[in-house]
Each structure stands twice: as structure tokens, then as C-alpha cells.
């Protein structure tokens, strides 16, 4: 059994669970954890992503994981930025061989720019985002770090380490194929894309690319972590499940190589 360190994306409730309105659907990492166990890979998960900046999360990881020295970090969404910053702290990452990011905004996301002004300009969207687990007022400092302009500075501040191989899984459907929750979010935020552009509902497809590309999937931001209840069509839901399993197989094969 191979053990790897996993850093999930944002969750403003501080409980590491998937929230849709008043409903909870289990831990954010549970489906990835179960899928990778089939490939003899066990996750050691950091799930304290409720509040704070990237550097604050790095400090928390350094303080809470003194014993575990992984050779692989897997990260979803903004967790990938934390992983890249963490790589510059050798007391934790001296033995790291690879970092694998899934749908990480390496070049930022336009939603972060919108989020900085939502509470004043678009109160309805601010309410909708809270339904999906994002209390924007509590996350403003973090959203400031996710704009395209901020990521240019981040990428200069945290260049790739020569001793680590960086892999990225870029996965997003066409904008025209997004499910209703993401189409609603896109509309309320005032974001406009060409219908054939790829966007996972949170992060643009092109922004997710970093280092060595892995696979080519069409999963939205929730399906990437194995959550499919928002997908209405049975055919599309089954296709998303299959793609998710293929993505986890790819990860499992890589971390054991």
C-alpha cells in the first residue's frame, strides 16, 4: 500500500464536507480516497481548508504533519497552489518526487475577480455561492490570491523545484455542457464564454495546465472529486463516473511507478 498526501480544495464550512444548500454529502475527499484504495493507494488528507491564505495553510500543514514524509502530493483545485508553495519547505517535502494537481487554477480564475466585488454588486450571487459552500466574505483574502494577476506573482514567487516532477490533470466540459448549478453561477457572475470553450464551472480548462499533462477528461468541478448527484442525465452521470474512475486509475498507476 502506497501512502500519499492529499490537499483538497476550498470549503468554507470548515468540516471538509460537500455542501449543497442545507444538505451535506460526505467528506470532500471520500470518493477519491475510496477510488484510490482500489489501486492500493491510501490518502493522508489535510482537511483544514476553511479559512486563510495559501501561506497560512502551508504553516498549518507544517505544524500538523511532523511525522509523515510523503513522496507524492495529490491536490485538487486550490489545494494544488498550497502544494506548490509547500514544496519550498524542505522540512516536509525533502522526499517529494512528484506533485499532481487536479483542476488547479495555476493561471487564476475570473470567478475570483468577481468574488471580490460580489457582496456589494451582486448580492443574489453571494447568496447562491453560500448555498454551495462558499461564504465569500470569509474568503476574500483567499480569493484575492486566485485572480489571474495574483497568480502571475505566485508563479514567480514559487517556481518549480528541480527535484520534483509536476503533473497536472486538466479536466472540464464545454461551457454548453455544464450542469445547471454551474450555468447559474456563471450567469449570475456575468461570465461569458464561447460555447465550445472548456470550463469546469469554477476553473477555466487552460488555467489548469502545469508541468506534465495527464489525461484529457471532461469532468466539472464537483465530478472531479467523485460527486455526481447534480448531473441530471443518467447517461452523462454514468459517463462522468467512468471518467472519474479512469482518472483515479491514472493517478494510482503514476504514484506507484
C-alpha atoms as a PDB file:
ATOM      1  CA  UNK A   1       0.000   0.000   0.000  1.00  0.00           C
ATOM      2  CA  UNK A   2       1.398   3.366  -1.065  1.00  0.00           C
ATOM      3  CA  UNK A   3       0.575   6.423   1.075  1.00  0.00           C
ATOM      4  CA  UNK A   4       0.293   9.878  -0.482  1.00  0.00           C
ATOM      5  CA  UNK A   5      -0.579  13.286   0.928  1.00  0.00           C
ATOM      6  CA  UNK A   6      -3.821  14.839  -0.327  1.00  0.00           C
ATOM      7  CA  UNK A   7      -4.808  18.522  -0.187  1.00  0.00           C
ATOM      8  CA  UNK A   8      -8.443  19.191  -1.139  1.00  0.00           C
ATOM      9  CA  UNK A   9      -9.928  22.436  -2.419  1.00  0.00           C
ATOM     10  CA  UNK A  10     -11.858  25.132  -0.569  1.00  0.00           C
ATOM     11  CA  UNK A  11     -14.588  24.503   1.943  1.00  0.00           C
ATOM     12  CA  UNK A  12     -15.864  27.478   3.938  1.00  0.00           C
ATOM     13  CA  UNK A  13     -17.773  25.387   6.470  1.00  0.00           C
ATOM     14  CA  UNK A  14     -14.540  24.081   7.947  1.00  0.00           C
ATOM     15  CA  UNK A  15     -15.782  20.493   8.137  1.00  0.00           C
ATOM     16  CA  UNK A  16     -14.287  19.127   4.927  1.00  0.00           C
ATOM     17  CA  UNK A  17     -17.711  18.097   3.608  1.00  0.00           C
ATOM     18  CA  UNK A  18     -19.516  18.685   0.319  1.00  0.00           C
ATOM     19  CA  UNK A  19     -22.363  21.141   0.891  1.00  0.00           C
ATOM     20  CA  UNK A  20     -25.210  21.898  -1.485  1.00  0.00           C
ATOM     21  CA  UNK A  21     -27.591  24.317   0.201  1.00  0.00           C
ATOM     22  CA  UNK A  22     -28.582  22.849   3.576  1.00  0.00           C
ATOM     23  CA  UNK A  23     -27.560  19.330   2.537  1.00  0.00           C
ATOM     24  CA  UNK A  24     -24.298  17.530   3.196  1.00  0.00           C
ATOM     25  CA  UNK A  25     -22.953  14.749   1.027  1.00  0.00           C
ATOM     26  CA  UNK A  26     -19.958  13.377   2.888  1.00  0.00           C
ATOM     27  CA  UNK A  27     -16.310  14.288   3.092  1.00  0.00           C
ATOM     28  CA  UNK A  28     -14.802  16.075   0.107  1.00  0.00           C
ATOM     29  CA  UNK A  29     -12.014  13.521  -0.158  1.00  0.00           C
ATOM     30  CA  UNK A  30     -14.060  10.347   0.473  1.00  0.00           C
ATOM     31  CA  UNK A  31     -14.717   9.309  -3.134  1.00  0.00           C
ATOM     32  CA  UNK A  32     -11.136   9.950  -4.213  1.00  0.00           C
ATOM     33  CA  UNK A  33      -9.939   8.008  -1.178  1.00  0.00           C
ATOM     34  CA  UNK A  34     -12.184   5.022  -1.937  1.00  0.00           C
ATOM     35  CA  UNK A  35     -11.292   5.044  -5.626  1.00  0.00           C
ATOM     36  CA  UNK A  36      -7.551   5.070  -4.954  1.00  0.00           C
ATOM     37  CA  UNK A  37      -7.783   2.285  -2.375  1.00  0.00           C
ATOM     38  CA  UNK A  38      -8.777   0.024  -5.267  1.00  0.00           C
ATOM     39  CA  UNK A  39      -5.321   0.768  -6.666  1.00  0.00           C
ATOM     40  CA  UNK A  40      -3.541   0.167  -3.333  1.00  0.00           C
ATOM     41  CA  UNK A  41      -3.056   3.873  -2.684  1.00  0.00           C
ATOM     42  CA  UNK A  42      -4.046   5.386   0.670  1.00  0.00           C
ATOM     43  CA  UNK A  43      -4.667   9.098   1.209  1.00  0.00           C
ATOM     44  CA  UNK A  44      -3.343  11.018   4.175  1.00  0.00           C
ATOM     45  CA  UNK A  45      -5.634  14.018   3.933  1.00  0.00           C
ATOM     46  CA  UNK A  46      -5.267  17.626   5.001  1.00  0.00           C
ATOM     47  CA  UNK A  47      -8.808  18.852   5.581  1.00  0.00           C
ATOM     48  CA  UNK A  48      -8.377  22.151   7.434  1.00  0.00           C
ATOM     49  CA  UNK A  49      -9.042  24.422   4.449  1.00  0.00           C
ATOM     50  CA  UNK A  50     -11.809  26.529   5.975  1.00  0.00           C
ATOM     51  CA  UNK A  51     -10.055  29.866   6.245  1.00  0.00           C
ATOM     52  CA  UNK A  52      -6.781  31.567   5.475  1.00  0.00           C
ATOM     53  CA  UNK A  53      -4.275  32.410   2.799  1.00  0.00           C
ATOM     54  CA  UNK A  54      -2.066  29.950   0.943  1.00  0.00           C
ATOM     55  CA  UNK A  55       0.851  30.642   3.288  1.00  0.00           C
ATOM     56  CA  UNK A  56      -1.369  30.205   6.342  1.00  0.00           C
ATOM     57  CA  UNK A  57      -2.427  26.765   5.119  1.00  0.00           C
ATOM     58  CA  UNK A  58       1.183  25.835   4.454  1.00  0.00           C
ATOM     59  CA  UNK A  59       2.021  26.773   8.052  1.00  0.00           C
ATOM     60  CA  UNK A  60      -0.837  24.622   9.345  1.00  0.00           C
ATOM     61  CA  UNK A  61       0.371  21.632   7.369  1.00  0.00           C
ATOM     62  CA  UNK A  62       3.921  22.061   8.625  1.00  0.00           C
ATOM     63  CA  UNK A  63       2.678  22.218  12.225  1.00  0.00           C
ATOM     64  CA  UNK A  64       0.242  19.301  11.995  1.00  0.00           C
ATOM     65  CA  UNK A  65       2.198  16.780   9.906  1.00  0.00           C
ATOM     66  CA  UNK A  66       5.573  16.396  11.564  1.00  0.00           C
ATOM     67  CA  UNK A  67       5.869  12.633  11.151  1.00  0.00           C
ATOM     68  CA  UNK A  68       4.509  11.864   7.687  1.00  0.00           C
ATOM     69  CA  UNK A  69       7.056  12.373   4.904  1.00  0.00           C
ATOM     70  CA  UNK A  70       5.305  11.612   1.590  1.00  0.00           C
ATOM     71  CA  UNK A  71       6.943  11.180  -1.801  1.00  0.00           C
ATOM     72  CA  UNK A  72       3.754  12.297  -3.619  1.00  0.00           C
ATOM     73  CA  UNK A  73       1.296  15.135  -3.064  1.00  0.00           C
ATOM     74  CA  UNK A  74      -2.068  14.945  -4.819  1.00  0.00           C
ATOM     75  CA  UNK A  75      -4.188  18.089  -4.730  1.00  0.00           C
ATOM     76  CA  UNK A  76      -7.499  19.296  -6.091  1.00  0.00           C
ATOM     77  CA  UNK A  77      -8.348  22.860  -7.091  1.00  0.00           C
ATOM     78  CA  UNK A  78      -6.755  25.495  -4.818  1.00  0.00           C
ATOM     79  CA  UNK A  79      -5.112  22.697  -2.887  1.00  0.00           C
ATOM     80  CA  UNK A  80      -2.685  22.488  -5.783  1.00  0.00           C
ATOM     81  CA  UNK A  81      -1.425  26.005  -5.112  1.00  0.00           C
ATOM     82  CA  UNK A  82      -0.888  25.122  -1.474  1.00  0.00           C
ATOM     83  CA  UNK A  83       1.032  22.021  -2.591  1.00  0.00           C
ATOM     84  CA  UNK A  84       3.294  24.072  -4.854  1.00  0.00           C
ATOM     85  CA  UNK A  85       4.025  26.563  -2.065  1.00  0.00           C
ATOM     86  CA  UNK A  86       4.562  23.722   0.403  1.00  0.00           C
ATOM     87  CA  UNK A  87       7.210  22.241  -1.896  1.00  0.00           C
ATOM     88  CA  UNK A  88       9.515  25.117  -0.918  1.00  0.00           C
ATOM     89  CA  UNK A  89       9.612  23.904   2.712  1.00  0.00           C
ATOM     90  CA  UNK A  90      12.077  21.022   2.707  1.00  0.00           C
ATOM     91  CA  UNK A  91      11.347  20.051   6.315  1.00  0.00           C
ATOM     92  CA  UNK A  92       8.156  18.462   4.947  1.00  0.00           C
ATOM     93  CA  UNK A  93       8.929  17.862   1.291  1.00  0.00           C
ATOM     94  CA  UNK A  94      12.555  16.695   1.270  1.00  0.00           C
ATOM     95  CA  UNK A  95      11.472  13.326  -0.117  1.00  0.00           C
ATOM     96  CA  UNK A  96       8.818  14.577  -2.522  1.00  0.00           C
ATOM     97  CA  UNK A  97       9.198  13.128  -6.022  1.00  0.00           C
ATOM     98  CA  UNK A  98       6.017  14.444  -7.615  1.00  0.00           C
ATOM     99  CA  UNK A  99       3.092  16.818  -7.206  1.00  0.00           C
ATOM    100  CA  UNK A 100      -0.128  16.005  -9.061  1.00  0.00           C
ATOM    101  CA  UNK A 101      -2.745  18.722  -9.352  1.00  0.00           C
ATOM    102  CA  UNK A 102      -6.340  18.271 -10.493  1.00  0.00           C
ATOM    103  CA  UNK A 103      -8.169  21.342 -11.821  1.00  0.00           C
ATOM    104  CA  UNK A 104      -5.885  23.787 -10.026  1.00  0.00           C
ATOM    105  CA  UNK A 105      -6.102  27.457 -11.106  1.00  0.00           C
ATOM    106  CA  UNK A 106      -2.406  27.837 -11.959  1.00  0.00           C
ATOM    107  CA  UNK A 107      -3.238  30.910 -14.038  1.00  0.00           C
ATOM    108  CA  UNK A 108      -6.104  32.055 -11.813  1.00  0.00           C
ATOM    109  CA  UNK A 109      -9.838  32.135 -12.386  1.00  0.00           C
ATOM    110  CA  UNK A 110     -12.138  35.012 -13.412  1.00  0.00           C
ATOM    111  CA  UNK A 111     -14.578  33.921 -10.700  1.00  0.00           C
ATOM    112  CA  UNK A 112     -12.088  35.112  -8.088  1.00  0.00           C
ATOM    113  CA  UNK A 113     -12.164  38.598  -9.572  1.00  0.00           C
ATOM    114  CA  UNK A 114     -15.966  38.571  -9.476  1.00  0.00           C
ATOM    115  CA  UNK A 115     -15.994  37.265  -5.904  1.00  0.00           C
ATOM    116  CA  UNK A 116     -14.066  40.269  -4.624  1.00  0.00           C
ATOM    117  CA  UNK A 117     -16.999  42.535  -5.520  1.00  0.00           C
ATOM    118  CA  UNK A 118     -19.982  40.207  -5.155  1.00  0.00           C
ATOM    119  CA  UNK A 119     -21.157  41.201  -1.715  1.00  0.00           C
ATOM    120  CA  UNK A 120     -21.691  44.778  -2.884  1.00  0.00           C
ATOM    121  CA  UNK A 121     -22.569  44.373  -6.578  1.00  0.00           C
ATOM    122  CA  UNK A 122     -24.319  41.006  -6.801  1.00  0.00           C
ATOM    123  CA  UNK A 123     -25.973  40.067  -3.538  1.00  0.00           C
ATOM    124  CA  UNK A 124     -28.005  37.298  -5.173  1.00  0.00           C
ATOM    125  CA  UNK A 125     -24.858  35.558  -6.399  1.00  0.00           C
ATOM    126  CA  UNK A 126     -23.302  35.954  -2.971  1.00  0.00           C
ATOM    127  CA  UNK A 127     -26.327  34.102  -1.569  1.00  0.00           C
ATOM    128  CA  UNK A 128     -26.096  31.361  -4.215  1.00  0.00           C
ATOM    129  CA  UNK A 129     -22.408  30.753  -3.557  1.00  0.00           C
ATOM    130  CA  UNK A 130     -23.119  30.303   0.151  1.00  0.00           C
ATOM    131  CA  UNK A 131     -25.583  27.570  -0.830  1.00  0.00           C
ATOM    132  CA  UNK A 132     -22.690  25.747  -2.490  1.00  0.00           C
ATOM    133  CA  UNK A 133     -20.341  26.106   0.446  1.00  0.00           C
ATOM    134  CA  UNK A 134     -18.609  29.417  -0.192  1.00  0.00           C
ATOM    135  CA  UNK A 135     -19.080  32.238   2.284  1.00  0.00           C
ATOM    136  CA  UNK A 136     -17.453  34.952   0.196  1.00  0.00           C
ATOM    137  CA  UNK A 137     -16.989  37.478   2.998  1.00  0.00           C
ATOM    138  CA  UNK A 138     -14.942  34.966   4.961  1.00  0.00           C
ATOM    139  CA  UNK A 139     -12.865  34.072   1.894  1.00  0.00           C
ATOM    140  CA  UNK A 140     -11.970  37.476   0.460  1.00  0.00           C
ATOM    141  CA  UNK A 141      -8.289  37.200   1.397  1.00  0.00           C
ATOM    142  CA  UNK A 142      -8.064  33.839  -0.305  1.00  0.00           C
ATOM    143  CA  UNK A 143      -9.947  34.944  -3.426  1.00  0.00           C
ATOM    144  CA  UNK A 144      -7.508  37.830  -3.765  1.00  0.00           C
ATOM    145  CA  UNK A 145      -4.803  35.206  -4.296  1.00  0.00           C
ATOM    146  CA  UNK A 146      -6.743  33.426  -7.045  1.00  0.00           C
ATOM    147  CA  UNK A 147      -7.099  36.225  -9.584  1.00  0.00           C
ATOM    148  CA  UNK A 148      -5.068  35.925 -12.805  1.00  0.00           C
ATOM    149  CA  UNK A 149      -2.940  38.895 -11.737  1.00  0.00           C
ATOM    150  CA  UNK A 150      -2.180  37.348  -8.343  1.00  0.00           C
ATOM    151  CA  UNK A 151      -1.228  34.019  -9.906  1.00  0.00           C
ATOM    152  CA  UNK A 152       1.391  35.700 -12.074  1.00  0.00           C
ATOM    153  CA  UNK A 153       3.065  36.875  -8.867  1.00  0.00           C
ATOM    154  CA  UNK A 154       2.552  33.482  -7.203  1.00  0.00           C
ATOM    155  CA  UNK A 155       4.204  31.622 -10.078  1.00  0.00           C
ATOM    156  CA  UNK A 156       7.263  33.873  -9.820  1.00  0.00           C
ATOM    157  CA  UNK A 157       7.388  33.505  -6.033  1.00  0.00           C
ATOM    158  CA  UNK A 158       7.060  29.714  -6.092  1.00  0.00           C
ATOM    159  CA  UNK A 159       8.891  28.390  -9.160  1.00  0.00           C
ATOM    160  CA  UNK A 160       9.070  24.655  -9.740  1.00  0.00           C
ATOM    161  CA  UNK A 161      11.688  22.762  -7.753  1.00  0.00           C
ATOM    162  CA  UNK A 162      14.194  20.879  -9.884  1.00  0.00           C
ATOM    163  CA  UNK A 163      13.924  17.801  -7.658  1.00  0.00           C
ATOM    164  CA  UNK A 164      10.133  17.494  -8.140  1.00  0.00           C
ATOM    165  CA  UNK A 165       8.149  16.481 -11.217  1.00  0.00           C
ATOM    166  CA  UNK A 166       4.932  18.454 -11.553  1.00  0.00           C
ATOM    167  CA  UNK A 167       1.916  16.819 -13.193  1.00  0.00           C
ATOM    168  CA  UNK A 168      -1.472  18.360 -13.913  1.00  0.00           C
ATOM    169  CA  UNK A 169      -4.830  16.861 -14.779  1.00  0.00           C
ATOM    170  CA  UNK A 170      -6.865  19.406 -16.717  1.00  0.00           C
ATOM    171  CA  UNK A 171     -10.499  18.393 -16.872  1.00  0.00           C
ATOM    172  CA  UNK A 172     -13.552  20.387 -17.932  1.00  0.00           C
ATOM    173  CA  UNK A 173     -16.585  20.034 -20.196  1.00  0.00           C
ATOM    174  CA  UNK A 174     -17.563  22.529 -22.852  1.00  0.00           C
ATOM    175  CA  UNK A 175     -19.389  25.510 -21.408  1.00  0.00           C
ATOM    176  CA  UNK A 176     -22.522  24.435 -23.269  1.00  0.00           C
ATOM    177  CA  UNK A 177     -22.444  21.072 -21.411  1.00  0.00           C
ATOM    178  CA  UNK A 178     -22.226  22.461 -17.872  1.00  0.00           C
ATOM    179  CA  UNK A 179     -24.882  21.357 -15.418  1.00  0.00           C
ATOM    180  CA  UNK A 180     -27.470  23.818 -14.121  1.00  0.00           C
ATOM    181  CA  UNK A 181     -25.735  24.820 -10.841  1.00  0.00           C
ATOM    182  CA  UNK A 182     -22.608  25.890 -12.710  1.00  0.00           C
ATOM    183  CA  UNK A 183     -24.513  27.557 -15.541  1.00  0.00           C
ATOM    184  CA  UNK A 184     -26.442  29.536 -12.952  1.00  0.00           C
ATOM    185  CA  UNK A 185     -23.243  30.544 -11.180  1.00  0.00           C
ATOM    186  CA  UNK A 186     -21.651  31.568 -14.472  1.00  0.00           C
ATOM    187  CA  UNK A 187     -24.673  33.636 -15.444  1.00  0.00           C
ATOM    188  CA  UNK A 188     -25.005  35.379 -12.088  1.00  0.00           C
ATOM    189  CA  UNK A 189     -21.292  36.209 -12.096  1.00  0.00           C
ATOM    190  CA  UNK A 190     -21.628  37.786 -15.517  1.00  0.00           C
ATOM    191  CA  UNK A 191     -19.028  35.496 -17.085  1.00  0.00           C
ATOM    192  CA  UNK A 192     -19.287  34.962 -20.821  1.00  0.00           C
ATOM    193  CA  UNK A 193     -17.542  32.208 -22.744  1.00  0.00           C
ATOM    194  CA  UNK A 194     -17.767  30.832 -26.223  1.00  0.00           C
ATOM    195  CA  UNK A 195     -19.995  27.742 -26.070  1.00  0.00           C
ATOM    196  CA  UNK A 196     -17.144  25.466 -27.169  1.00  0.00           C
ATOM    197  CA  UNK A 197     -14.688  26.745 -24.539  1.00  0.00           C
ATOM    198  CA  UNK A 198     -13.889  24.325 -21.732  1.00  0.00           C
ATOM    199  CA  UNK A 199     -14.673  25.458 -18.205  1.00  0.00           C
ATOM    200  CA  UNK A 200     -15.335  23.214 -15.201  1.00  0.00           C
ATOM    201  CA  UNK A 201     -17.729  25.692 -13.625  1.00  0.00           C
ATOM    202  CA  UNK A 202     -15.043  27.203 -11.385  1.00  0.00           C
ATOM    203  CA  UNK A 203     -11.688  26.993 -13.179  1.00  0.00           C
ATOM    204  CA  UNK A 204     -11.005  27.534 -16.905  1.00  0.00           C
ATOM    205  CA  UNK A 205      -9.513  24.472 -18.598  1.00  0.00           C
ATOM    206  CA  UNK A 206      -6.389  26.261 -19.824  1.00  0.00           C
ATOM    207  CA  UNK A 207      -5.646  27.572 -16.328  1.00  0.00           C
ATOM    208  CA  UNK A 208      -5.447  24.013 -15.008  1.00  0.00           C
ATOM    209  CA  UNK A 209      -2.362  23.095 -17.051  1.00  0.00           C
ATOM    210  CA  UNK A 210       1.005  22.948 -15.320  1.00  0.00           C
ATOM    211  CA  UNK A 211       4.071  20.804 -15.852  1.00  0.00           C
ATOM    212  CA  UNK A 212       3.488  17.396 -17.414  1.00  0.00           C
ATOM    213  CA  UNK A 213      -0.121  16.984 -18.644  1.00  0.00           C
ATOM    214  CA  UNK A 214      -2.014  13.849 -17.610  1.00  0.00           C
ATOM    215  CA  UNK A 215      -5.125  12.633 -19.424  1.00  0.00           C
ATOM    216  CA  UNK A 216      -7.920  14.580 -21.043  1.00  0.00           C
ATOM    217  CA  UNK A 217     -11.191  14.459 -19.138  1.00  0.00           C
ATOM    218  CA  UNK A 218     -14.473  16.401 -19.256  1.00  0.00           C
ATOM    219  CA  UNK A 219     -15.460  16.432 -15.592  1.00  0.00           C
ATOM    220  CA  UNK A 220     -16.860  19.515 -13.895  1.00  0.00           C
ATOM    221  CA  UNK A 221     -15.537  20.797 -10.580  1.00  0.00           C
ATOM    222  CA  UNK A 222     -17.757  18.511  -8.478  1.00  0.00           C
ATOM    223  CA  UNK A 223     -17.439  15.381 -10.617  1.00  0.00           C
ATOM    224  CA  UNK A 224     -13.661  15.706 -10.324  1.00  0.00           C
ATOM    225  CA  UNK A 225     -13.945  14.636  -6.681  1.00  0.00           C
ATOM    226  CA  UNK A 226     -16.478  11.881  -7.382  1.00  0.00           C
ATOM    227  CA  UNK A 227     -19.707  13.794  -6.715  1.00  0.00           C
ATOM    228  CA  UNK A 228     -22.357  13.233  -9.406  1.00  0.00           C
ATOM    229  CA  UNK A 229     -25.765  13.978  -7.851  1.00  0.00           C
ATOM    230  CA  UNK A 230     -26.024  17.328  -9.626  1.00  0.00           C
ATOM    231  CA  UNK A 231     -25.816  15.636 -13.048  1.00  0.00           C
ATOM    232  CA  UNK A 232     -29.384  15.183 -14.284  1.00  0.00           C
ATOM    233  CA  UNK A 233     -28.894  12.906 -17.288  1.00  0.00           C
ATOM    234  CA  UNK A 234     -28.275   9.257 -16.399  1.00  0.00           C
ATOM    235  CA  UNK A 235     -26.103   8.850 -19.490  1.00  0.00           C
ATOM    236  CA  UNK A 236     -23.931  11.841 -18.580  1.00  0.00           C
ATOM    237  CA  UNK A 237     -23.785  10.712 -14.950  1.00  0.00           C
ATOM    238  CA  UNK A 238     -22.557   7.260 -15.970  1.00  0.00           C
ATOM    239  CA  UNK A 239     -20.024   8.814 -18.335  1.00  0.00           C
ATOM    240  CA  UNK A 240     -18.741  11.069 -15.542  1.00  0.00           C
ATOM    241  CA  UNK A 241     -18.367   8.087 -13.190  1.00  0.00           C
ATOM    242  CA  UNK A 242     -16.380   6.207 -15.809  1.00  0.00           C
ATOM    243  CA  UNK A 243     -14.111   9.191 -16.445  1.00  0.00           C
ATOM    244  CA  UNK A 244     -13.580   9.647 -12.714  1.00  0.00           C
ATOM    245  CA  UNK A 245     -12.557   6.001 -12.353  1.00  0.00           C
ATOM    246  CA  UNK A 246     -10.189   6.342 -15.305  1.00  0.00           C
ATOM    247  CA  UNK A 247      -8.657   9.462 -13.769  1.00  0.00           C
ATOM    248  CA  UNK A 248      -8.096   7.697 -10.444  1.00  0.00           C
ATOM    249  CA  UNK A 249      -6.584   4.711 -12.256  1.00  0.00           C
ATOM    250  CA  UNK A 250      -4.175   7.081 -13.960  1.00  0.00           C
ATOM    251  CA  UNK A 251      -3.186   8.615 -10.618  1.00  0.00           C
ATOM    252  CA  UNK A 252      -2.826   5.203  -8.990  1.00  0.00           C
ATOM    253  CA  UNK A 253      -0.545   3.938 -11.736  1.00  0.00           C
ATOM    254  CA  UNK A 254       1.645   7.042 -11.598  1.00  0.00           C
ATOM    255  CA  UNK A 255       2.180   7.152  -7.829  1.00  0.00           C
ATOM    256  CA  UNK A 256       3.281   3.511  -7.777  1.00  0.00           C
ATOM    257  CA  UNK A 257       5.764   3.951 -10.600  1.00  0.00           C
END
